[in-house]
Amino acid sequence: MKKHNLAGVLLASTDPGRLDAWYRAAFEPDSHAEVQGYRILTYGDFSLVIDSRSDIGDKNPEPGRVIFNFDVEDARAAVERLNGLGTPWLAELEDRDGSLFATAIDPDGNYVQLIQLSEEARAAMGG
């Protein structure tokens, strides 16, 4: 029996162009395409699909429900890039036993976590 593979997520917005531009500037996807109105940003094997919807509000009322985690090579450089975009922070960059974590807030109010795991943490996770 074939295992299921989580390949992406649809992120709805009332302003998909703004959200698409922010994610491209903030996290530099491996590829970007627009297909039938969908904006598709690919990060490794995962696709972030941004779409327009009229049945949602401008800001996410429960941003802690789903948090996007970006595994970054240099958390400090990623924070500086996001600061340059005027990104607000829910949690500033902090060191947790050698791993670095920070939680940003995207233009629609969604939480986006930056994670730079230590070599020890990666080894403990089997990676």
C-alpha atoms as a PDB file:
ATOM      1  CA  MET A   1       0.000   0.000   0.000  1.00  0.00           C
ATOM      2  CA  LYS A   2       1.330   3.412  -0.981  1.00  0.00           C
ATOM      3  CA  LYS A   3       2.010   5.835   1.846  1.00  0.00           C
ATOM      4  CA  HIS A   4       0.466   9.272   1.704  1.00  0.00           C
ATOM      5  CA  ASN A   5       2.725  12.230   1.063  1.00  0.00           C
ATOM      6  CA  LEU A   6       1.922  15.709   2.345  1.00  0.00           C
ATOM      7  CA  ALA A   7       3.091  17.796  -0.597  1.00  0.00           C
ATOM      8  CA  GLY A   8       1.766  21.246   0.146  1.00  0.00           C
ATOM      9  CA  VAL A   9      -0.776  23.588   1.639  1.00  0.00           C
ATOM     10  CA  LEU A  10      -3.272  26.055   0.203  1.00  0.00           C
ATOM     11  CA  LEU A  11      -2.989  29.461   1.869  1.00  0.00           C
ATOM     12  CA  ALA A  12      -6.024  31.636   1.171  1.00  0.00           C
ATOM     13  CA  SER A  13      -5.848  35.429   1.185  1.00  0.00           C
ATOM     14  CA  THR A  14      -7.936  38.452   0.304  1.00  0.00           C
ATOM     15  CA  ASP A  15      -4.723  39.895  -1.171  1.00  0.00           C
ATOM     16  CA  PRO A  16      -2.818  36.955  -2.687  1.00  0.00           C
ATOM     17  CA  GLY A  17      -0.443  39.185  -4.650  1.00  0.00           C
ATOM     18  CA  ARG A  18       0.813  40.858  -1.478  1.00  0.00           C
ATOM     19  CA  LEU A  19       1.176  37.544   0.341  1.00  0.00           C
ATOM     20  CA  ASP A  20       2.934  35.916  -2.615  1.00  0.00           C
ATOM     21  CA  ALA A  21       5.401  38.803  -2.866  1.00  0.00           C
ATOM     22  CA  TRP A  22       6.151  38.633   0.870  1.00  0.00           C
ATOM     23  CA  TYR A  23       6.831  34.863   0.899  1.00  0.00           C
ATOM     24  CA  ARG A  24       9.034  35.143  -2.198  1.00  0.00           C
ATOM     25  CA  ALA A  25      11.058  37.987  -0.674  1.00  0.00           C
ATOM     26  CA  ALA A  26      11.173  36.452   2.799  1.00  0.00           C
ATOM     27  CA  PHE A  27      12.028  32.848   1.971  1.00  0.00           C
ATOM     28  CA  GLU A  28      13.277  32.723  -1.646  1.00  0.00           C
ATOM     29  CA  PRO A  29      11.457  29.653  -3.023  1.00  0.00           C
ATOM     30  CA  ASP A  30      13.180  27.103  -5.239  1.00  0.00           C
ATOM     31  CA  SER A  31      10.561  27.898  -7.882  1.00  0.00           C
ATOM     32  CA  HIS A  32       7.550  30.131  -8.408  1.00  0.00           C
ATOM     33  CA  ALA A  33       4.719  29.761 -10.897  1.00  0.00           C
ATOM     34  CA  GLU A  34       1.256  31.115 -11.553  1.00  0.00           C
ATOM     35  CA  VAL A  35      -1.142  28.477 -12.814  1.00  0.00           C
ATOM     36  CA  GLN A  36      -4.824  29.249 -13.417  1.00  0.00           C
ATOM     37  CA  GLY A  37      -4.773  32.050 -10.843  1.00  0.00           C
ATOM     38  CA  TYR A  38      -2.896  30.050  -8.199  1.00  0.00           C
ATOM     39  CA  ARG A  39       0.498  31.281  -7.041  1.00  0.00           C
ATOM     40  CA  ILE A  40       2.697  28.263  -6.373  1.00  0.00           C
ATOM     41  CA  LEU A  41       5.915  28.599  -4.394  1.00  0.00           C
ATOM     42  CA  THR A  42       7.999  25.458  -4.060  1.00  0.00           C
ATOM     43  CA  TYR A  43      10.369  24.881  -1.146  1.00  0.00           C
ATOM     44  CA  GLY A  44      12.122  21.531  -1.520  1.00  0.00           C
ATOM     45  CA  ASP A  45       9.372  18.927  -1.956  1.00  0.00           C
ATOM     46  CA  PHE A  46       6.705  21.186  -0.412  1.00  0.00           C
ATOM     47  CA  SER A  47       4.442  23.617  -2.275  1.00  0.00           C
ATOM     48  CA  LEU A  48       2.841  26.695  -0.785  1.00  0.00           C
ATOM     49  CA  VAL A  49      -0.165  27.506  -2.968  1.00  0.00           C
ATOM     50  CA  ILE A  50      -1.597  30.983  -2.484  1.00  0.00           C
ATOM     51  CA  ASP A  51      -5.135  31.619  -3.683  1.00  0.00           C
ATOM     52  CA  SER A  52      -7.708  34.365  -3.505  1.00  0.00           C
ATOM     53  CA  ARG A  53     -10.866  33.770  -1.464  1.00  0.00           C
ATOM     54  CA  SER A  54     -13.813  36.020  -0.735  1.00  0.00           C
ATOM     55  CA  ASP A  55     -15.161  34.002   2.229  1.00  0.00           C
ATOM     56  CA  ILE A  56     -12.339  34.938   4.622  1.00  0.00           C
ATOM     57  CA  GLY A  57     -11.256  38.062   6.485  1.00  0.00           C
ATOM     58  CA  ASP A  58      -8.202  40.180   5.752  1.00  0.00           C
ATOM     59  CA  LYS A  59      -6.388  38.861   8.855  1.00  0.00           C
ATOM     60  CA  ASN A  60      -6.255  35.353  10.304  1.00  0.00           C
ATOM     61  CA  PRO A  61      -8.276  35.408  13.562  1.00  0.00           C
ATOM     62  CA  GLU A  62      -6.561  32.247  14.913  1.00  0.00           C
ATOM     63  CA  PRO A  63      -2.968  32.417  13.667  1.00  0.00           C
ATOM     64  CA  GLY A  64      -1.712  29.849  16.174  1.00  0.00           C
ATOM     65  CA  ARG A  65      -3.867  27.106  14.644  1.00  0.00           C
ATOM     66  CA  VAL A  66      -1.372  26.417  11.827  1.00  0.00           C
ATOM     67  CA  ILE A  67       2.213  27.629  11.980  1.00  0.00           C
ATOM     68  CA  PHE A  68       4.499  27.387   8.977  1.00  0.00           C
ATOM     69  CA  ASN A  69       7.973  26.147   9.936  1.00  0.00           C
ATOM     70  CA  PHE A  70      10.890  27.132   7.723  1.00  0.00           C
ATOM     71  CA  ASP A  71      14.115  25.229   8.298  1.00  0.00           C
ATOM     72  CA  VAL A  72      16.777  27.878   7.661  1.00  0.00           C
ATOM     73  CA  GLU A  73      20.545  27.557   7.359  1.00  0.00           C
ATOM     74  CA  ASP A  74      21.254  30.938   8.963  1.00  0.00           C
ATOM     75  CA  ALA A  75      18.506  32.134  11.305  1.00  0.00           C
ATOM     76  CA  ARG A  76      20.221  35.445  12.031  1.00  0.00           C
ATOM     77  CA  ALA A  77      20.429  36.297   8.305  1.00  0.00           C
ATOM     78  CA  ALA A  78      16.789  35.229   7.831  1.00  0.00           C
ATOM     79  CA  VAL A  79      15.716  37.509  10.689  1.00  0.00           C
ATOM     80  CA  GLU A  80      17.627  40.415   9.144  1.00  0.00           C
ATOM     81  CA  ARG A  81      15.950  39.792   5.765  1.00  0.00           C
ATOM     82  CA  LEU A  82      12.516  39.777   7.425  1.00  0.00           C
ATOM     83  CA  ASN A  83      13.360  42.898   9.418  1.00  0.00           C
ATOM     84  CA  GLY A  84      14.214  44.582   6.108  1.00  0.00           C
ATOM     85  CA  LEU A  85      10.693  43.749   4.924  1.00  0.00           C
ATOM     86  CA  GLY A  86       9.207  45.396   8.032  1.00  0.00           C
ATOM     87  CA  THR A  87       7.979  42.066   9.388  1.00  0.00           C
ATOM     88  CA  PRO A  88       6.499  42.069  12.898  1.00  0.00           C
ATOM     89  CA  TRP A  89       7.557  39.367  15.363  1.00  0.00           C
ATOM     90  CA  LEU A  90       5.526  37.253  17.728  1.00  0.00           C
ATOM     91  CA  ALA A  91       8.742  35.844  19.242  1.00  0.00           C
ATOM     92  CA  GLU A  92      12.200  37.310  18.690  1.00  0.00           C
ATOM     93  CA  LEU A  93      15.124  35.045  17.824  1.00  0.00           C
ATOM     94  CA  GLU A  94      16.135  32.899  20.761  1.00  0.00           C
ATOM     95  CA  ASP A  95      18.649  30.155  21.408  1.00  0.00           C
ATOM     96  CA  ARG A  96      17.176  26.941  22.789  1.00  0.00           C
ATOM     97  CA  ASP A  97      20.052  24.633  23.699  1.00  0.00           C
ATOM     98  CA  GLY A  98      21.986  25.553  20.549  1.00  0.00           C
ATOM     99  CA  SER A  99      19.015  25.628  18.162  1.00  0.00           C
ATOM    100  CA  LEU A 100      17.648  28.994  17.041  1.00  0.00           C
ATOM    101  CA  PHE A 101      13.919  29.813  16.840  1.00  0.00           C
ATOM    102  CA  ALA A 102      11.888  32.916  15.976  1.00  0.00           C
ATOM    103  CA  THR A 103       8.239  33.447  15.031  1.00  0.00           C
ATOM    104  CA  ALA A 104       7.327  36.099  12.474  1.00  0.00           C
ATOM    105  CA  ILE A 105       3.894  37.314  11.421  1.00  0.00           C
ATOM    106  CA  ASP A 106       3.129  37.400   7.682  1.00  0.00           C
ATOM    107  CA  PRO A 107       1.028  40.186   6.086  1.00  0.00           C
ATOM    108  CA  ASP A 108      -2.209  38.221   6.657  1.00  0.00           C
ATOM    109  CA  GLY A 109      -1.424  37.615  10.331  1.00  0.00           C
ATOM    110  CA  ASN A 110      -0.274  33.986   9.979  1.00  0.00           C
ATOM    111  CA  TYR A 111       2.565  32.798  12.202  1.00  0.00           C
ATOM    112  CA  VAL A 112       5.762  31.719  10.467  1.00  0.00           C
ATOM    113  CA  GLN A 113       8.485  30.061  12.502  1.00  0.00           C
ATOM    114  CA  LEU A 114      12.153  30.111  11.550  1.00  0.00           C
ATOM    115  CA  ILE A 115      14.127  27.155  12.847  1.00  0.00           C
ATOM    116  CA  GLN A 116      17.859  26.528  12.706  1.00  0.00           C
ATOM    117  CA  LEU A 117      18.457  23.228  14.453  1.00  0.00           C
ATOM    118  CA  SER A 118      21.793  22.448  16.052  1.00  0.00           C
ATOM    119  CA  GLU A 119      23.755  19.464  14.754  1.00  0.00           C
ATOM    120  CA  GLU A 120      22.959  17.659  18.018  1.00  0.00           C
ATOM    121  CA  ALA A 121      19.209  18.243  17.596  1.00  0.00           C
ATOM    122  CA  ARG A 122      19.320  17.033  13.983  1.00  0.00           C
ATOM    123  CA  ALA A 123      21.196  13.900  15.039  1.00  0.00           C
ATOM    124  CA  ALA A 124      18.687  13.218  17.830  1.00  0.00           C
ATOM    125  CA  MET A 125      15.844  13.505  15.305  1.00  0.00           C
ATOM    126  CA  GLY A 126      17.536  11.007  13.002  1.00  0.00           C
ATOM    127  CA  GLY A 127      18.470  13.591  10.347  1.00  0.00           C
END
